[in-house]
């Protein structure tokens, strides 16, 4: 559970940073958000499989 929280907090910081960096271009923000959301989903899935394999919740 702690790993998911840490991954989520880091992902939020990255997403905010990327959106601020791309502040002038709406389409680039949409693309970056979409790509980062996919990466986040894959990462959370990997973290979830790791915690289930270790017998943690």
C-alpha atoms as a PDB file:
ATOM      1  CA  UNK A   1       0.000   0.000   0.000  1.00  0.00           C
ATOM      2  CA  UNK A   2       2.804   2.401   0.824  1.00  0.00           C
ATOM      3  CA  UNK A   3       4.445   1.785  -2.543  1.00  0.00           C
ATOM      4  CA  UNK A   4       1.230   2.750  -4.357  1.00  0.00           C
ATOM      5  CA  UNK A   5       0.995   5.973  -2.393  1.00  0.00           C
ATOM      6  CA  UNK A   6       4.603   6.893  -3.126  1.00  0.00           C
ATOM      7  CA  UNK A   7       4.226   6.087  -6.826  1.00  0.00           C
ATOM      8  CA  UNK A   8       1.056   8.173  -6.973  1.00  0.00           C
ATOM      9  CA  UNK A   9       2.683  11.173  -5.265  1.00  0.00           C
ATOM     10  CA  UNK A  10       5.694  11.043  -7.592  1.00  0.00           C
ATOM     11  CA  UNK A  11       3.407  10.699 -10.611  1.00  0.00           C
ATOM     12  CA  UNK A  12       1.359  13.709  -9.515  1.00  0.00           C
ATOM     13  CA  UNK A  13       4.525  15.806  -9.191  1.00  0.00           C
ATOM     14  CA  UNK A  14       5.717  14.726 -12.643  1.00  0.00           C
ATOM     15  CA  UNK A  15       2.326  15.432 -14.200  1.00  0.00           C
ATOM     16  CA  UNK A  16       2.150  18.902 -12.665  1.00  0.00           C
ATOM     17  CA  UNK A  17       5.708  19.651 -13.780  1.00  0.00           C
ATOM     18  CA  UNK A  18       5.072  18.532 -17.343  1.00  0.00           C
ATOM     19  CA  UNK A  19       1.842  20.516 -17.558  1.00  0.00           C
ATOM     20  CA  UNK A  20       3.590  23.666 -16.309  1.00  0.00           C
ATOM     21  CA  UNK A  21       6.416  23.102 -18.788  1.00  0.00           C
ATOM     22  CA  UNK A  22       3.929  22.769 -21.644  1.00  0.00           C
ATOM     23  CA  UNK A  23       1.703  25.633 -20.478  1.00  0.00           C
ATOM     24  CA  UNK A  24       1.412  27.328 -23.879  1.00  0.00           C
ATOM     25  CA  UNK A  25       0.358  24.322 -25.932  1.00  0.00           C
ATOM     26  CA  UNK A  26      -2.920  22.676 -25.031  1.00  0.00           C
ATOM     27  CA  UNK A  27      -2.537  19.747 -27.435  1.00  0.00           C
ATOM     28  CA  UNK A  28       0.877  18.865 -25.973  1.00  0.00           C
ATOM     29  CA  UNK A  29      -0.584  18.907 -22.473  1.00  0.00           C
ATOM     30  CA  UNK A  30      -3.323  16.506 -23.565  1.00  0.00           C
ATOM     31  CA  UNK A  31      -0.820  14.156 -25.201  1.00  0.00           C
ATOM     32  CA  UNK A  32       1.536  14.252 -22.219  1.00  0.00           C
ATOM     33  CA  UNK A  33      -1.315  13.627 -19.790  1.00  0.00           C
ATOM     34  CA  UNK A  34      -2.524  10.678 -21.862  1.00  0.00           C
ATOM     35  CA  UNK A  35       0.968   9.166 -22.099  1.00  0.00           C
ATOM     36  CA  UNK A  36       1.690   9.694 -18.410  1.00  0.00           C
ATOM     37  CA  UNK A  37      -1.677   8.175 -17.472  1.00  0.00           C
ATOM     38  CA  UNK A  38      -0.810   5.049 -19.442  1.00  0.00           C
ATOM     39  CA  UNK A  39       2.607   4.866 -17.819  1.00  0.00           C
ATOM     40  CA  UNK A  40       1.008   5.320 -14.402  1.00  0.00           C
ATOM     41  CA  UNK A  41      -1.492   2.519 -15.043  1.00  0.00           C
ATOM     42  CA  UNK A  42       1.298   0.143 -16.091  1.00  0.00           C
ATOM     43  CA  UNK A  43       3.432   1.122 -13.115  1.00  0.00           C
ATOM     44  CA  UNK A  44       0.619   0.693 -10.591  1.00  0.00           C
ATOM     45  CA  UNK A  45      -0.200  -2.693 -12.116  1.00  0.00           C
ATOM     46  CA  UNK A  46       3.430  -3.736 -11.745  1.00  0.00           C
ATOM     47  CA  UNK A  47       3.570  -2.493  -8.137  1.00  0.00           C
ATOM     48  CA  UNK A  48       0.295  -4.294  -7.393  1.00  0.00           C
ATOM     49  CA  UNK A  49       1.588  -7.591  -8.812  1.00  0.00           C
ATOM     50  CA  UNK A  50       4.781  -7.214  -6.799  1.00  0.00           C
ATOM     51  CA  UNK A  51       2.908  -6.671  -3.510  1.00  0.00           C
ATOM     52  CA  UNK A  52       0.526  -9.580  -4.185  1.00  0.00           C
ATOM     53  CA  UNK A  53       3.456 -11.861  -4.969  1.00  0.00           C
ATOM     54  CA  UNK A  54       5.143 -10.877  -1.679  1.00  0.00           C
ATOM     55  CA  UNK A  55       1.924 -11.474   0.244  1.00  0.00           C
ATOM     56  CA  UNK A  56       1.362  -7.852   1.203  1.00  0.00           C
ATOM     57  CA  UNK A  57      -1.819  -5.813   0.853  1.00  0.00           C
END
